[in-house]
Amino acid sequence: MSDSASIEELTARISAIRDNLRQLVEQAAGSSGAADEDRTSTRIAEQELELARLAKRRDDLLATRERRA
């Protein structure tokens, strides 16, 4: 897979995770009960970690591509 294809794939995944995070935040605002809040908080934290991981990977690929140019 080429760097540009990887970057495009990562960008798409980042966008999907951001959409998911928005939905989770909306769910958290509308949920009641400690169990629901805990599950939503855990899911948000997991998605934030994945978002950071993917963003770093994309940034690293972009930096590598720029160094080659």
N, C-alpha and C. Protein backbone atom coordinates (compact mmCIF):
# COMPACT_ATOMS: atom_id res chain seq x y z
N MET A 1 0.84 -1.17 0.00
CA MET A 1 0.00 0.00 0.00
C MET A 1 0.89 1.24 0.00
N SER A 2 0.57 2.20 -0.86
CA SER A 2 1.38 3.41 -0.94
C SER A 2 1.10 4.31 0.26
N ASP A 3 2.04 5.24 0.49
CA ASP A 3 1.87 6.19 1.59
C ASP A 3 0.59 7.00 1.43
N SER A 4 0.30 7.46 0.21
CA SER A 4 -0.89 8.29 0.01
C SER A 4 -2.16 7.49 0.28
N ALA A 5 -2.18 6.22 -0.11
CA ALA A 5 -3.34 5.38 0.19
C ALA A 5 -3.47 5.19 1.69
N SER A 6 -2.35 4.99 2.36
CA SER A 6 -2.37 4.82 3.81
C SER A 6 -2.85 6.10 4.49
N ILE A 7 -2.39 7.24 4.00
CA ILE A 7 -2.79 8.52 4.58
C ILE A 7 -4.29 8.73 4.37
N GLU A 8 -4.78 8.42 3.19
CA GLU A 8 -6.22 8.56 2.91
C GLU A 8 -7.03 7.63 3.81
N GLU A 9 -6.57 6.41 3.97
CA GLU A 9 -7.26 5.45 4.84
C GLU A 9 -7.27 5.94 6.28
N LEU A 10 -6.12 6.41 6.75
CA LEU A 10 -6.03 6.92 8.12
C LEU A 10 -6.94 8.14 8.31
N THR A 11 -6.97 9.02 7.34
CA THR A 11 -7.83 10.20 7.42
C THR A 11 -9.30 9.79 7.49
N ALA A 12 -9.69 8.80 6.72
CA ALA A 12 -11.07 8.31 6.75
C ALA A 12 -11.39 7.70 8.11
N ARG A 13 -10.47 6.92 8.66
CA ARG A 13 -10.69 6.31 9.97
C ARG A 13 -10.76 7.36 11.07
N ILE A 14 -9.91 8.39 10.97
CA ILE A 14 -9.93 9.49 11.94
C ILE A 14 -11.28 10.19 11.89
N SER A 15 -11.78 10.43 10.70
CA SER A 15 -13.09 11.08 10.54
C SER A 15 -14.19 10.23 11.17
N ALA A 16 -14.15 8.93 10.94
CA ALA A 16 -15.16 8.04 11.50
C ALA A 16 -15.10 8.04 13.03
N ILE A 17 -13.91 8.04 13.59
CA ILE A 17 -13.77 8.06 15.05
C ILE A 17 -14.28 9.38 15.61
N ARG A 18 -13.99 10.48 14.94
CA ARG A 18 -14.50 11.78 15.40
C ARG A 18 -16.02 11.79 15.40
N ASP A 19 -16.64 11.23 14.35
CA ASP A 19 -18.10 11.14 14.32
C ASP A 19 -18.61 10.27 15.46
N ASN A 20 -17.93 9.17 15.70
CA ASN A 20 -18.31 8.28 16.79
C ASN A 20 -18.21 8.98 18.14
N LEU A 21 -17.15 9.74 18.33
CA LEU A 21 -16.99 10.49 19.58
C LEU A 21 -18.13 11.49 19.77
N ARG A 22 -18.52 12.17 18.69
CA ARG A 22 -19.65 13.12 18.80
C ARG A 22 -20.91 12.40 19.24
N GLN A 23 -21.15 11.22 18.67
CA GLN A 23 -22.33 10.44 19.03
C GLN A 23 -22.26 9.98 20.49
N LEU A 24 -21.09 9.55 20.91
CA LEU A 24 -20.93 9.10 22.29
C LEU A 24 -21.16 10.24 23.28
N VAL A 25 -20.68 11.42 22.94
CA VAL A 25 -20.89 12.58 23.82
C VAL A 25 -22.38 12.90 23.91
N GLU A 26 -23.08 12.82 22.78
CA GLU A 26 -24.53 13.04 22.80
C GLU A 26 -25.23 11.99 23.65
N GLN A 27 -24.81 10.74 23.52
CA GLN A 27 -25.39 9.67 24.35
C GLN A 27 -25.12 9.92 25.82
N ALA A 28 -23.92 10.35 26.13
CA ALA A 28 -23.56 10.61 27.53
C ALA A 28 -24.43 11.71 28.11
N ALA A 29 -24.73 12.71 27.29
CA ALA A 29 -25.56 13.82 27.77
C ALA A 29 -26.99 13.36 28.04
N GLY A 30 -27.44 12.37 27.28
CA GLY A 30 -28.81 11.91 27.44
C GLY A 30 -28.98 10.69 28.32
N SER A 31 -27.90 10.10 28.76
CA SER A 31 -28.01 8.87 29.55
C SER A 31 -28.17 9.17 31.02
N SER A 32 -28.76 8.20 31.68
CA SER A 32 -28.88 8.32 33.14
C SER A 32 -28.44 7.01 33.75
N GLY A 33 -27.90 7.08 34.92
CA GLY A 33 -27.44 5.88 35.60
C GLY A 33 -25.94 5.74 35.53
N ALA A 34 -25.39 5.31 36.63
CA ALA A 34 -23.94 5.21 36.74
C ALA A 34 -23.36 4.20 35.77
N ALA A 35 -24.04 3.08 35.56
CA ALA A 35 -23.52 2.04 34.67
C ALA A 35 -23.43 2.55 33.24
N ASP A 36 -24.47 3.26 32.79
CA ASP A 36 -24.44 3.83 31.44
C ASP A 36 -23.32 4.85 31.31
N GLU A 37 -23.17 5.70 32.30
CA GLU A 37 -22.13 6.72 32.27
C GLU A 37 -20.74 6.09 32.25
N ASP A 38 -20.54 5.04 33.04
CA ASP A 38 -19.24 4.37 33.06
C ASP A 38 -18.92 3.75 31.71
N ARG A 39 -19.90 3.07 31.11
CA ARG A 39 -19.68 2.44 29.80
C ARG A 39 -19.37 3.50 28.75
N THR A 40 -20.12 4.59 28.76
CA THR A 40 -19.91 5.64 27.78
C THR A 40 -18.56 6.30 28.00
N SER A 41 -18.21 6.56 29.24
CA SER A 41 -16.90 7.17 29.54
C SER A 41 -15.76 6.28 29.09
N THR A 42 -15.89 5.00 29.32
CA THR A 42 -14.87 4.05 28.90
C THR A 42 -14.74 4.04 27.38
N ARG A 43 -15.86 4.02 26.70
CA ARG A 43 -15.86 4.01 25.24
C ARG A 43 -15.26 5.29 24.68
N ILE A 44 -15.60 6.42 25.28
CA ILE A 44 -15.03 7.70 24.84
C ILE A 44 -13.51 7.69 25.01
N ALA A 45 -13.05 7.21 26.15
CA ALA A 45 -11.60 7.15 26.40
C ALA A 45 -10.91 6.25 25.38
N GLU A 46 -11.52 5.12 25.07
CA GLU A 46 -10.94 4.21 24.07
C GLU A 46 -10.86 4.88 22.71
N GLN A 47 -11.92 5.56 22.33
CA GLN A 47 -11.96 6.23 21.03
C GLN A 47 -10.95 7.37 20.97
N GLU A 48 -10.78 8.10 22.07
CA GLU A 48 -9.80 9.19 22.10
C GLU A 48 -8.38 8.65 21.95
N LEU A 49 -8.10 7.52 22.58
CA LEU A 49 -6.78 6.90 22.43
C LEU A 49 -6.53 6.45 20.99
N GLU A 50 -7.55 5.83 20.39
CA GLU A 50 -7.42 5.39 19.01
C GLU A 50 -7.25 6.58 18.07
N LEU A 51 -7.98 7.64 18.33
CA LEU A 51 -7.85 8.86 17.52
C LEU A 51 -6.43 9.41 17.60
N ALA A 52 -5.88 9.48 18.79
CA ALA A 52 -4.51 9.99 18.97
C ALA A 52 -3.51 9.08 18.25
N ARG A 53 -3.70 7.77 18.35
CA ARG A 53 -2.79 6.81 17.70
C ARG A 53 -2.82 6.97 16.18
N LEU A 54 -4.03 7.07 15.63
CA LEU A 54 -4.16 7.20 14.18
C LEU A 54 -3.64 8.54 13.69
N ALA A 55 -3.90 9.60 14.43
CA ALA A 55 -3.41 10.93 14.04
C ALA A 55 -1.89 10.95 14.02
N LYS A 56 -1.26 10.34 15.03
CA LYS A 56 0.20 10.30 15.07
C LYS A 56 0.74 9.49 13.89
N ARG A 57 0.11 8.37 13.61
CA ARG A 57 0.56 7.54 12.49
C ARG A 57 0.45 8.30 11.16
N ARG A 58 -0.69 8.99 10.98
CA ARG A 58 -0.87 9.79 9.77
C ARG A 58 0.18 10.90 9.70
N ASP A 59 0.40 11.59 10.81
CA ASP A 59 1.39 12.68 10.83
C ASP A 59 2.79 12.15 10.52
N ASP A 60 3.11 10.99 11.04
CA ASP A 60 4.41 10.38 10.75
C ASP A 60 4.54 10.07 9.26
N LEU A 61 3.49 9.53 8.66
CA LEU A 61 3.53 9.24 7.23
C LEU A 61 3.66 10.52 6.41
N LEU A 62 2.94 11.56 6.80
CA LEU A 62 3.06 12.83 6.09
C LEU A 62 4.47 13.41 6.21
N ALA A 63 5.06 13.30 7.37
CA ALA A 63 6.42 13.81 7.57
C ALA A 63 7.41 13.02 6.72
N THR A 64 7.24 11.73 6.65
CA THR A 64 8.11 10.89 5.84
C THR A 64 7.98 11.26 4.38
N ARG A 65 6.76 11.48 3.93
CA ARG A 65 6.52 11.85 2.54
C ARG A 65 7.15 13.20 2.23
N GLU A 66 7.05 14.16 3.16
CA GLU A 66 7.64 15.48 2.96
C GLU A 66 9.17 15.40 2.89
N ARG A 67 9.77 14.54 3.72
CA ARG A 67 11.23 14.40 3.71
C ARG A 67 11.71 13.82 2.37
N ARG A 68 10.90 12.97 1.76
CA ARG A 68 11.27 12.37 0.48
C ARG A 68 11.17 13.37 -0.67
N ALA A 69 10.30 14.35 -0.51
CA ALA A 69 10.05 15.30 -1.61
C ALA A 69 11.20 16.27 -1.82
